[in-house]
């Protein structure tokens, strides 16, 4: 079970959908691109479920972010 609040999980899900849409892709097309670039099986339902449950691995999230053009900045908390 995920330890993230449902609101954060839903925000991430909607953020991924929105950013994919700004690139002209739906979730299926985005996952096909992940599959092509990272040589993974395009299991859209599986990834969609992982996003909903908050169980997406860090590697999977970074691959998705790469495809939708999102960069993560790491910094210490103040």
C-alpha atoms as a PDB file:
ATOM      1  CA  UNK A   1       0.000   0.000   0.000  1.00  0.00           C
ATOM      2  CA  UNK A   2       1.237   3.468  -0.831  1.00  0.00           C
ATOM      3  CA  UNK A   3       2.145   5.883   1.935  1.00  0.00           C
ATOM      4  CA  UNK A   4       1.434   8.912  -0.258  1.00  0.00           C
ATOM      5  CA  UNK A   5      -1.790  10.802   0.358  1.00  0.00           C
ATOM      6  CA  UNK A   6      -4.433  10.188  -2.313  1.00  0.00           C
ATOM      7  CA  UNK A   7      -4.339  13.869  -3.260  1.00  0.00           C
ATOM      8  CA  UNK A   8      -0.635  13.649  -4.158  1.00  0.00           C
ATOM      9  CA  UNK A   9      -1.156  10.482  -6.175  1.00  0.00           C
ATOM     10  CA  UNK A  10      -4.071  12.053  -8.065  1.00  0.00           C
ATOM     11  CA  UNK A  11      -2.022  15.208  -8.679  1.00  0.00           C
ATOM     12  CA  UNK A  12       0.846  13.150 -10.127  1.00  0.00           C
ATOM     13  CA  UNK A  13      -1.568  11.201 -12.340  1.00  0.00           C
ATOM     14  CA  UNK A  14      -3.191  14.359 -13.687  1.00  0.00           C
ATOM     15  CA  UNK A  15       0.217  16.031 -14.103  1.00  0.00           C
ATOM     16  CA  UNK A  16       1.492  13.132 -16.233  1.00  0.00           C
ATOM     17  CA  UNK A  17      -1.684  13.160 -18.348  1.00  0.00           C
ATOM     18  CA  UNK A  18      -1.498  16.934 -18.805  1.00  0.00           C
ATOM     19  CA  UNK A  19       2.186  16.981 -19.756  1.00  0.00           C
ATOM     20  CA  UNK A  20       1.668  14.087 -22.179  1.00  0.00           C
ATOM     21  CA  UNK A  21      -1.245  15.979 -23.758  1.00  0.00           C
ATOM     22  CA  UNK A  22       0.936  19.082 -24.203  1.00  0.00           C
ATOM     23  CA  UNK A  23       3.255  16.822 -26.210  1.00  0.00           C
ATOM     24  CA  UNK A  24       0.305  15.618 -28.305  1.00  0.00           C
ATOM     25  CA  UNK A  25       0.122  12.188 -26.661  1.00  0.00           C
ATOM     26  CA  UNK A  26      -2.451  10.295 -24.689  1.00  0.00           C
ATOM     27  CA  UNK A  27      -1.411   7.760 -22.044  1.00  0.00           C
ATOM     28  CA  UNK A  28      -1.327   4.903 -24.574  1.00  0.00           C
ATOM     29  CA  UNK A  29       0.901   6.837 -26.968  1.00  0.00           C
ATOM     30  CA  UNK A  30       3.157   7.982 -24.136  1.00  0.00           C
ATOM     31  CA  UNK A  31       3.665   4.407 -22.946  1.00  0.00           C
ATOM     32  CA  UNK A  32       4.330   3.252 -26.510  1.00  0.00           C
ATOM     33  CA  UNK A  33       7.080   5.883 -26.653  1.00  0.00           C
ATOM     34  CA  UNK A  34       8.492   4.700 -23.298  1.00  0.00           C
ATOM     35  CA  UNK A  35       8.466   1.176 -24.708  1.00  0.00           C
ATOM     36  CA  UNK A  36      10.258   2.276 -27.867  1.00  0.00           C
ATOM     37  CA  UNK A  37      12.911   4.418 -26.169  1.00  0.00           C
ATOM     38  CA  UNK A  38      13.556   2.232 -23.111  1.00  0.00           C
ATOM     39  CA  UNK A  39      12.864  -1.168 -24.662  1.00  0.00           C
ATOM     40  CA  UNK A  40       9.983  -1.953 -22.282  1.00  0.00           C
ATOM     41  CA  UNK A  41       6.658  -3.688 -22.805  1.00  0.00           C
ATOM     42  CA  UNK A  42       3.943  -1.062 -23.372  1.00  0.00           C
ATOM     43  CA  UNK A  43       1.641  -2.221 -20.574  1.00  0.00           C
ATOM     44  CA  UNK A  44      -0.537   0.878 -20.389  1.00  0.00           C
ATOM     45  CA  UNK A  45      -3.050  -0.621 -17.976  1.00  0.00           C
ATOM     46  CA  UNK A  46      -0.242  -1.754 -15.711  1.00  0.00           C
ATOM     47  CA  UNK A  47       1.407   1.689 -15.647  1.00  0.00           C
ATOM     48  CA  UNK A  48      -1.924   3.432 -15.262  1.00  0.00           C
ATOM     49  CA  UNK A  49      -2.704   1.194 -12.296  1.00  0.00           C
ATOM     50  CA  UNK A  50       0.722   1.794 -10.787  1.00  0.00           C
ATOM     51  CA  UNK A  51       0.203   5.550 -11.075  1.00  0.00           C
ATOM     52  CA  UNK A  52      -3.252   5.280  -9.452  1.00  0.00           C
ATOM     53  CA  UNK A  53      -1.928   3.102  -6.616  1.00  0.00           C
ATOM     54  CA  UNK A  54       1.208   5.195  -6.139  1.00  0.00           C
ATOM     55  CA  UNK A  55       3.451   2.168  -6.769  1.00  0.00           C
ATOM     56  CA  UNK A  56       5.334   3.401  -9.832  1.00  0.00           C
ATOM     57  CA  UNK A  57       9.069   2.798  -9.416  1.00  0.00           C
ATOM     58  CA  UNK A  58      11.448   5.735  -9.478  1.00  0.00           C
ATOM     59  CA  UNK A  59      12.993   4.390 -12.700  1.00  0.00           C
ATOM     60  CA  UNK A  60       9.568   4.127 -14.376  1.00  0.00           C
ATOM     61  CA  UNK A  61       8.699   7.654 -13.267  1.00  0.00           C
ATOM     62  CA  UNK A  62      11.999   9.036 -14.582  1.00  0.00           C
ATOM     63  CA  UNK A  63      11.443   7.305 -17.941  1.00  0.00           C
ATOM     64  CA  UNK A  64       7.938   8.759 -18.190  1.00  0.00           C
ATOM     65  CA  UNK A  65       9.212  12.215 -17.232  1.00  0.00           C
ATOM     66  CA  UNK A  66      11.908  11.973 -19.906  1.00  0.00           C
ATOM     67  CA  UNK A  67       9.306  11.196 -22.570  1.00  0.00           C
ATOM     68  CA  UNK A  68       6.963  14.017 -21.508  1.00  0.00           C
ATOM     69  CA  UNK A  69       9.800  16.536 -21.150  1.00  0.00           C
ATOM     70  CA  UNK A  70       9.848  16.975 -17.382  1.00  0.00           C
ATOM     71  CA  UNK A  71      13.085  17.542 -15.517  1.00  0.00           C
ATOM     72  CA  UNK A  72      13.452  16.945 -11.799  1.00  0.00           C
ATOM     73  CA  UNK A  73      15.606  19.226  -9.700  1.00  0.00           C
ATOM     74  CA  UNK A  74      16.939  17.815  -6.452  1.00  0.00           C
ATOM     75  CA  UNK A  75      17.636  20.197  -3.607  1.00  0.00           C
ATOM     76  CA  UNK A  76      17.912  20.147   0.160  1.00  0.00           C
ATOM     77  CA  UNK A  77      14.950  21.248   2.184  1.00  0.00           C
ATOM     78  CA  UNK A  78      15.438  24.506   4.040  1.00  0.00           C
END
